[in-house]
Amino acid sequence: MSDQEHTVYILKCSDNTLYTGYTNDLENRLKAHEAGKGAKYTRGRGPFQVMFVEKFPTKEEAMKREYEIKQLTRKGKFQLIRDKLKEVMQYDRSKEL
C-alpha cells in the first residue's frame, strides 16, 4: 500500500468550462496545467480555479470516481460542487460549537 494521496479534482477554466482529472500530486498537476503541460483539453484555457477536490486511499477508487464524475452533465458537476461546499460549511460550523 502506498502512502500517496489519490485525488480527483474539477477545474473551472477561464472559458467557463469544467475539467475533471485524477492525480497523486495535486500541486504539481495544477502547475502543469498552468504551464500548458497538463491535459490537452486545458491547454490555453487557464487560469484555472479549483472547484472540487476529493481524496481516496487507492488509485483504483480515485479512477472509478473520476469516471463517475465525467459521466455527469455540466449541471450535475455544479450540483456536486455545491453539495461539497455545503458539507464543508456544515463542518466549519460544527467546529465553532
Protein backbone atom coordinates (compact mmCIF):
# COMPACT_ATOMS: atom_id res chain seq x y z
CA MET A 1 0.00 0.00 0.00
CA SER A 2 1.42 3.37 -0.98
CA ASP A 3 1.12 6.46 1.20
CA GLN A 4 0.43 8.74 -1.76
CA GLU A 5 -2.78 10.72 -1.94
CA HIS A 6 -5.04 9.87 -4.84
CA THR A 7 -7.05 12.93 -5.77
CA VAL A 8 -9.91 13.61 -8.14
CA TYR A 9 -10.42 17.29 -8.94
CA ILE A 10 -12.58 19.60 -11.02
CA LEU A 11 -11.11 22.76 -12.52
CA LYS A 12 -13.09 25.67 -13.86
CA CYS A 13 -11.27 27.01 -16.90
CA SER A 14 -11.15 30.66 -17.95
CA ASP A 15 -13.67 29.92 -20.72
CA ASN A 16 -16.09 28.70 -18.03
CA THR A 17 -15.77 25.02 -18.97
CA LEU A 18 -15.08 22.31 -16.41
CA TYR A 19 -12.24 19.79 -16.49
CA THR A 20 -12.20 16.69 -14.29
CA GLY A 21 -8.93 14.89 -13.63
CA TYR A 22 -7.01 12.49 -11.40
CA THR A 23 -3.57 12.93 -9.83
CA ASN A 24 -1.43 11.74 -6.96
CA ASP A 25 0.17 15.19 -6.62
CA LEU A 26 -2.38 17.98 -6.99
CA GLU A 27 0.03 20.87 -6.52
CA ASN A 28 2.36 19.69 -9.30
CA ARG A 29 -0.57 18.78 -11.54
CA LEU A 30 -2.02 22.30 -11.22
CA LYS A 31 1.39 23.77 -12.08
CA ALA A 32 1.48 21.55 -15.17
CA HIS A 33 -1.98 22.72 -16.24
CA GLU A 34 -0.98 26.38 -15.75
CA ALA A 35 2.21 25.81 -17.77
CA GLY A 36 0.22 24.28 -20.64
CA LYS A 37 1.75 20.86 -19.94
CA GLY A 38 -1.31 19.28 -18.32
CA ALA A 39 -4.12 17.65 -20.22
CA LYS A 40 -4.57 18.59 -23.87
CA TYR A 41 -8.06 19.90 -23.02
CA THR A 42 -6.75 22.51 -20.57
CA ARG A 43 -4.07 23.98 -22.85
CA GLY A 44 -4.84 27.63 -23.49
CA ARG A 45 -7.81 27.58 -21.11
CA GLY A 46 -6.08 28.94 -17.99
CA PRO A 47 -6.04 30.44 -15.49
CA PHE A 48 -7.89 27.76 -13.57
CA GLN A 49 -9.93 27.71 -10.42
CA VAL A 50 -10.07 24.51 -8.36
CA MET A 51 -13.75 23.88 -7.74
CA PHE A 52 -13.75 20.39 -6.23
CA VAL A 53 -11.26 18.03 -4.59
CA GLU A 54 -11.87 14.52 -3.29
CA LYS A 55 -9.15 12.23 -1.88
CA PHE A 56 -9.03 8.44 -1.92
CA PRO A 57 -6.80 5.79 -0.32
CA THR A 58 -6.24 3.92 -3.59
CA LYS A 59 -5.72 4.81 -7.23
CA GLU A 60 -8.48 2.39 -8.22
CA GLU A 61 -11.08 4.18 -6.08
CA ALA A 62 -9.98 7.58 -7.39
CA MET A 63 -10.09 6.47 -11.03
CA LYS A 64 -13.56 4.98 -10.52
CA ARG A 65 -14.77 8.28 -9.01
CA GLU A 66 -13.17 10.30 -11.82
CA TYR A 67 -15.08 8.16 -14.33
CA GLU A 68 -18.36 8.66 -12.40
CA ILE A 69 -17.89 12.43 -12.34
CA LYS A 70 -17.02 12.54 -16.05
CA GLN A 71 -20.36 10.85 -16.80
CA LEU A 72 -22.25 13.71 -15.11
CA THR A 73 -23.70 16.59 -17.09
CA ARG A 74 -22.32 20.09 -16.54
CA LYS A 75 -25.33 20.76 -14.31
CA GLY A 76 -24.60 17.56 -12.37
CA LYS A 77 -20.98 18.60 -11.82
CA PHE A 78 -22.04 22.00 -10.49
CA GLN A 79 -24.51 20.25 -8.17
CA LEU A 80 -21.66 18.04 -6.90
CA ILE A 81 -19.55 21.15 -6.27
CA ARG A 82 -22.44 22.83 -4.41
CA ASP A 83 -23.06 19.73 -2.29
CA LYS A 84 -19.37 19.54 -1.32
CA LEU A 85 -19.40 23.25 -0.41
CA LYS A 86 -22.43 22.74 1.86
CA GLU A 87 -20.63 19.82 3.52
CA VAL A 88 -17.56 21.98 4.17
CA MET A 89 -19.65 24.83 5.55
CA GLN A 90 -21.53 22.49 7.90
CA TYR A 91 -18.21 21.04 9.09
CA ASP A 92 -16.85 24.55 9.78
CA ARG A 93 -19.94 25.46 11.81
CA SER A 94 -19.69 22.27 13.87
CA LYS A 95 -16.11 23.21 14.86
CA GLU A 96 -17.37 26.55 16.26
CA LEU A 97 -19.63 24.81 18.80
